[in-house]
Protein backbone atom coordinates (compact mmCIF):
# COMPACT_ATOMS: atom_id res chain seq x y z
CA MET A 1 -24.09 -5.60 -28.92
CA PRO A 2 -24.44 -9.32 -29.91
CA THR A 3 -22.30 -12.14 -29.33
CA PRO A 4 -20.12 -13.25 -32.10
CA ASP A 5 -20.68 -16.70 -33.54
CA LEU A 6 -17.80 -18.20 -33.37
CA ARG A 7 -16.82 -21.67 -34.88
CA ILE A 8 -14.48 -24.49 -35.50
CA ASN A 9 -15.36 -27.12 -37.50
CA GLY A 10 -19.08 -26.38 -37.78
CA GLN A 11 -18.86 -26.51 -33.67
CA SER A 12 -19.90 -23.16 -31.57
CA LEU A 13 -17.44 -21.88 -29.27
CA LYS A 14 -18.42 -20.53 -26.31
CA THR A 15 -17.84 -16.66 -25.87
CA LEU A 16 -17.07 -14.64 -22.37
CA ASP A 17 -17.99 -11.58 -21.39
CA ILE A 18 -15.18 -9.23 -20.85
CA ASN A 19 -16.39 -8.79 -16.84
CA ASP A 20 -16.68 -12.34 -17.02
CA ALA A 21 -13.86 -14.66 -14.98
CA CYS A 22 -12.23 -17.71 -16.69
CA ARG A 23 -9.40 -19.54 -15.47
CA TYR A 24 -5.92 -19.33 -18.03
CA LEU A 25 -2.18 -20.84 -17.33
CA CYS A 26 -4.00 -21.52 -13.91
CA TYR A 27 -4.97 -17.94 -13.41
CA TRP A 28 -8.36 -16.74 -12.98
CA GLY A 29 -9.29 -13.49 -14.32
CA THR A 30 -11.21 -11.57 -16.41
CA GLY A 31 -10.97 -9.70 -20.47
CA ASN A 32 -9.73 -6.16 -18.82
CA GLY A 33 -7.55 -7.97 -16.30
CA ASP A 34 -9.34 -7.63 -13.49
CA MET A 35 -7.63 -11.01 -11.40
CA SER A 36 -10.29 -11.00 -8.32
CA ALA A 37 -11.32 -14.77 -9.03
CA THR A 38 -8.15 -15.69 -8.54
CA ARG A 39 -7.90 -13.98 -4.99
CA GLU A 40 -11.07 -15.46 -4.11
CA VAL A 41 -10.02 -18.97 -5.59
CA VAL A 42 -6.77 -18.81 -3.06
CA ARG A 43 -9.14 -17.73 0.42
CA GLY A 44 -11.60 -20.32 -1.11
CA LYS A 45 -8.82 -22.64 -0.78
CA ALA A 46 -7.70 -21.93 2.27
CA ARG A 47 -11.19 -21.95 4.08
CA VAL A 48 -11.54 -25.89 2.64
CA ALA A 49 -7.92 -26.70 4.03
CA ARG A 50 -9.10 -25.19 7.42
CA ASP A 51 -11.54 -26.98 7.73
CA VAL A 52 -10.38 -30.28 6.61
CA ILE A 53 -7.97 -30.22 9.78
CA LYS A 54 -11.10 -28.60 12.23
CA SER A 55 -11.71 -32.06 14.26
CA HIS A 56 -8.69 -33.94 12.80
CA PRO A 57 -7.16 -36.87 14.43
CA LEU A 58 -3.03 -35.75 14.14
CA THR A 59 -0.94 -33.87 16.04
CA PRO A 60 -0.73 -30.39 15.82
CA GLU A 61 2.38 -30.01 14.04
CA LEU A 62 1.22 -32.94 11.08
CA SER A 63 -1.97 -30.75 10.93
CA ALA A 64 -0.01 -27.03 10.78
CA GLU A 65 1.80 -28.71 8.01
CA LEU A 66 -1.14 -30.50 6.42
CA PHE A 67 -2.83 -26.91 6.34
CA ALA A 68 0.46 -25.32 4.54
CA GLN A 69 0.58 -28.00 1.59
CA LYS A 70 -3.62 -27.41 0.65
CA GLY A 71 -4.01 -23.86 2.00
CA ILE A 72 -1.09 -22.04 1.50
CA GLY A 73 0.09 -23.90 -1.49
CA ALA A 74 -2.17 -21.87 -3.97
CA PHE A 75 -1.38 -18.75 -2.81
CA ARG A 76 2.39 -19.29 -3.01
CA PHE A 77 2.21 -20.32 -6.77
CA LEU A 78 0.62 -17.20 -7.25
CA ALA A 79 1.44 -14.77 -5.33
CA ALA A 80 4.59 -13.22 -7.39
CA LEU A 81 2.22 -12.10 -10.22
CA ILE A 82 -1.14 -11.25 -7.98
CA GLU A 83 -1.47 -7.80 -6.58
CA TRP A 84 -2.77 -7.90 -2.74
CA SER A 85 -3.79 -5.03 -0.78
CA GLN A 86 -3.34 -4.69 2.60
CA SER A 87 -6.30 -5.29 3.65
CA GLU A 88 -6.57 -8.12 1.42
CA SER A 89 -3.18 -9.51 2.78
CA GLU A 90 -4.61 -9.21 6.28
CA GLY A 91 -7.82 -11.24 5.60
CA LEU A 92 -5.83 -13.92 4.14
CA GLN A 93 -3.72 -13.85 7.30
CA LYS A 94 -6.90 -13.85 9.73
CA ILE A 95 -7.85 -17.20 7.72
CA TRP A 96 -4.28 -18.72 7.79
CA VAL A 97 -4.34 -18.32 11.84
CA GLN A 98 -7.68 -19.93 12.13
CA PRO A 99 -6.47 -23.45 11.32
CA TYR A 100 -3.39 -23.31 13.38
CA LYS A 101 -5.87 -22.75 15.63
CA ASN A 102 -7.60 -25.75 14.97
CA ALA A 103 -4.56 -27.91 14.90
CA TRP A 104 -3.87 -27.42 18.76
CA HIS A 105 -8.09 -27.41 19.32
CA VAL A 106 -8.03 -24.18 20.84
CA PRO A 107 -11.26 -21.59 20.04
CA TRP A 108 -10.66 -18.86 17.13
CA SER A 109 -10.98 -15.78 19.69
CA THR A 110 -7.37 -16.97 21.20
CA ALA A 111 -4.44 -14.50 20.85
CA ASN A 112 -2.96 -14.63 17.10
CA SER A 113 0.84 -13.89 18.78
CA LEU A 114 0.86 -17.23 20.16
CA TYR A 115 1.20 -18.51 16.38
CA THR A 116 2.48 -15.33 14.67
CA PHE A 117 5.48 -14.03 16.58
CA PRO A 118 9.03 -15.98 16.00
CA THR A 119 9.74 -18.93 17.61
CA ALA A 120 12.50 -16.49 19.57
CA GLU A 121 10.27 -14.84 21.31
CA GLY A 122 8.15 -17.71 22.35
CA GLY A 123 5.61 -18.16 19.03
CA HIS A 124 5.21 -20.78 16.64
CA GLU A 125 6.43 -19.07 13.84
CA TYR A 126 3.92 -20.27 11.01
CA PRO A 127 3.94 -18.85 7.98
CA LEU A 128 1.90 -15.90 7.07
CA PRO A 129 0.97 -14.27 3.76
CA SER A 130 4.03 -11.53 4.03
CA GLY A 131 6.45 -14.10 4.67
CA VAL A 132 5.64 -16.35 1.61
CA LEU A 133 4.80 -13.72 -0.87
CA THR A 134 8.43 -12.24 0.10
CA GLN A 135 9.63 -16.02 -1.01
CA ALA A 136 7.63 -16.17 -3.70
CA LEU A 137 8.99 -12.98 -5.32
CA LEU A 138 12.66 -14.09 -4.83
CA GLN A 139 12.11 -17.40 -5.92
CA HIS A 140 10.52 -15.48 -9.55
CA VAL A 141 13.42 -13.16 -9.86
CA ASP A 142 15.75 -16.60 -9.80
CA GLN A 143 13.98 -18.29 -12.19
CA CYS A 144 13.86 -14.90 -14.20
CA THR A 145 17.51 -14.22 -14.08
CA ARG A 146 19.09 -17.95 -14.05
CA HIS A 147 19.58 -17.87 -18.05
CA GLU A 148 20.82 -15.19 -20.14
CA ASN A 149 18.00 -15.23 -22.57
CA VAL A 150 15.17 -12.88 -23.39
CA VAL A 151 13.84 -13.61 -19.80
CA LYS A 152 16.39 -11.88 -17.81
CA LYS A 153 16.33 -8.96 -19.96
CA ILE A 154 12.95 -8.35 -19.57
CA ILE A 155 12.96 -8.12 -15.95
CA LEU A 156 15.99 -6.19 -15.71
CA ALA A 157 14.45 -3.55 -17.92
CA GLN A 158 11.95 -3.54 -15.10
CA LEU A 159 14.15 -2.95 -12.59
CA ALA A 160 15.74 -0.09 -14.57
CA ARG A 161 12.15 1.35 -15.00
CA THR A 162 11.56 0.85 -11.41
CA LEU A 163 14.60 2.62 -10.13
CA THR A 164 13.35 5.31 -12.56
CA GLU A 165 10.27 5.77 -11.30
CA TRP A 166 11.29 5.98 -8.06
CA HIS A 167 14.39 8.05 -8.22
CA CYS A 168 16.83 5.09 -7.01
CA SER A 169 19.90 4.40 -8.35
CA SER A 170 20.39 0.89 -6.95
CA CYS A 171 18.68 -1.89 -5.43
CA THR A 172 19.79 -1.29 -1.79
CA ASN A 173 18.63 2.32 -2.75
CA LEU A 174 15.17 1.40 -3.34
CA ILE A 175 14.57 -1.28 -0.39
CA ASP A 176 15.83 1.56 1.54
CA GLU A 177 13.22 4.11 0.11
CA MET A 178 10.44 1.58 0.87
CA GLU A 179 10.32 2.98 4.87
CA LEU A 180 8.58 5.75 3.74
CA TRP A 181 5.86 4.24 1.79
CA ASP A 182 2.65 1.87 2.56
CA TRP A 183 2.24 -1.63 0.80
CA ASN A 184 -0.88 -0.17 -1.09
CA VAL A 185 1.92 2.60 -2.91
CA ALA A 186 4.79 -0.07 -3.16
CA ASN A 187 2.71 -3.00 -4.80
CA LYS A 188 1.55 -1.33 -8.13
CA ASP A 189 5.32 -2.76 -9.60
CA PHE A 190 7.31 -6.13 -9.17
CA TRP A 191 10.55 -4.97 -7.99
CA SER A 192 8.92 -1.98 -5.46
CA SER A 193 6.46 -4.93 -4.29
CA LEU A 194 9.69 -7.25 -3.71
CA ALA A 195 11.85 -3.96 -2.30
CA LYS A 196 8.63 -3.37 0.06
CA SER A 197 8.27 -6.82 1.25
CA LEU A 198 12.26 -7.38 1.61
CA HIS A 199 12.54 -4.39 4.04
CA SER A 200 9.27 -5.27 5.82
CA GLN A 201 10.43 -8.68 6.26
CA LYS A 202 14.18 -7.33 7.43
CA VAL A 203 16.09 -9.58 4.39
CA SER A 204 19.28 -8.64 3.29
CA LEU A 205 19.91 -9.65 -0.73
CA THR A 206 23.39 -11.06 -1.23
CA TRP A 207 22.94 -10.39 -5.19
CA ALA A 208 21.75 -6.41 -5.09
CA GLY A 209 25.50 -5.50 -5.72
CA LYS A 210 26.11 -7.88 -8.31
CA MET A 211 22.52 -6.58 -9.93
CA ASP A 212 23.72 -3.27 -9.60
CA GLN A 213 26.79 -4.09 -11.37
CA ILE A 214 24.82 -5.38 -14.55
CA LEU A 215 22.58 -2.08 -14.47
CA ALA A 216 25.82 0.39 -14.43
CA SER A 217 26.76 -1.36 -17.52
CA VAL A 218 23.70 -0.23 -19.64
CA LEU A 219 22.46 2.77 -17.51
CA VAL A 220 24.41 6.22 -16.35
CA PRO A 221 25.43 6.30 -12.93
CA GLU A 222 24.29 8.62 -10.83
CA LYS A 223 26.56 9.98 -7.42
CA MET A 224 23.50 10.46 -5.38
CA SER A 225 19.84 9.55 -6.13
CA TRP A 226 17.14 11.96 -5.75
CA ALA A 227 15.90 9.37 -3.55
CA THR A 228 18.79 9.06 -1.50
CA ALA A 229 18.64 13.20 -1.32
CA THR A 230 15.33 13.74 -0.39
CA ARG A 231 15.01 11.16 2.21
CA SER A 232 15.58 12.95 5.48
CA ILE A 233 13.65 15.23 4.47
CA GLN A 234 10.62 12.49 3.59
CA LYS A 235 11.26 11.06 7.12
CA CYS A 236 10.24 14.42 8.54
CA LYS A 237 7.19 14.35 6.95
CA THR A 238 6.24 10.89 7.56
CA ARG A 239 6.69 11.29 11.42
CA ILE A 240 4.45 14.71 11.58
CA GLU A 241 2.05 13.44 9.48
CA LYS A 242 1.65 10.27 12.00
CA ILE A 243 1.75 12.78 15.00
CA GLY A 244 -1.42 14.39 13.25
CA GLY A 245 0.73 17.08 11.88
CA SER A 246 0.18 18.87 8.43
CA HIS A 247 2.07 21.08 6.31
CA VAL A 248 -0.92 23.62 7.51
CA ASP A 249 0.20 23.58 10.77
CA MET A 250 3.51 24.97 9.63
CA GLU A 251 1.49 27.97 7.38
CA PRO A 252 2.43 31.53 8.85
CA THR A 253 -0.33 33.04 10.30
CA ALA A 254 -1.24 36.82 10.94
């Protein structure tokens, strides 16, 4: 198909193929919705910030803070609306741990636990993608629900749709349901991604009850959701699969 000749005031406009990435509203993506370029930009900025403090004259604390400002900021700004798979998140975490080791002038082969463990367990508890993602998702909800406008109606409609798709009756019920699913299954939707992040980070919501009350005014309340009714069975199935079992092992034999 020939490239269309688009002009404004006689000047020809540059056109891109649907698979070519371009920047729009601080995001990089293609015309068919592929946001891989945005994820690569985030990784690239993290690598640049990592190399900046490779031979630094600063204290370890200031070096780690410098990386957080330059290397983590891009991910924080884009995280709420960009889908990251489990492997992509783990790959980004490997990049983030390297500058922490640069800050303390230790080899990259040093164990990660010293920098990722909580301070209560003897670690430095430096920011990791999973924690930053949870913060970004919560901030996005706060910004969208702060005012009584169409944005709030849209995000509440998304929540109602997510609860229906996961057969849950409330936000708390949805968070509990995420115990049974891995990240690559849960991150296909904004609210399920938030629920999975909250469950993984063991973060409790103070406004979950208020959100459920709002939904109850527009949805038909259920005595018990299907997810709650079948969760014990799902947990049993998950445990069986973790030890190598399957439904085949339960079939009767002649």
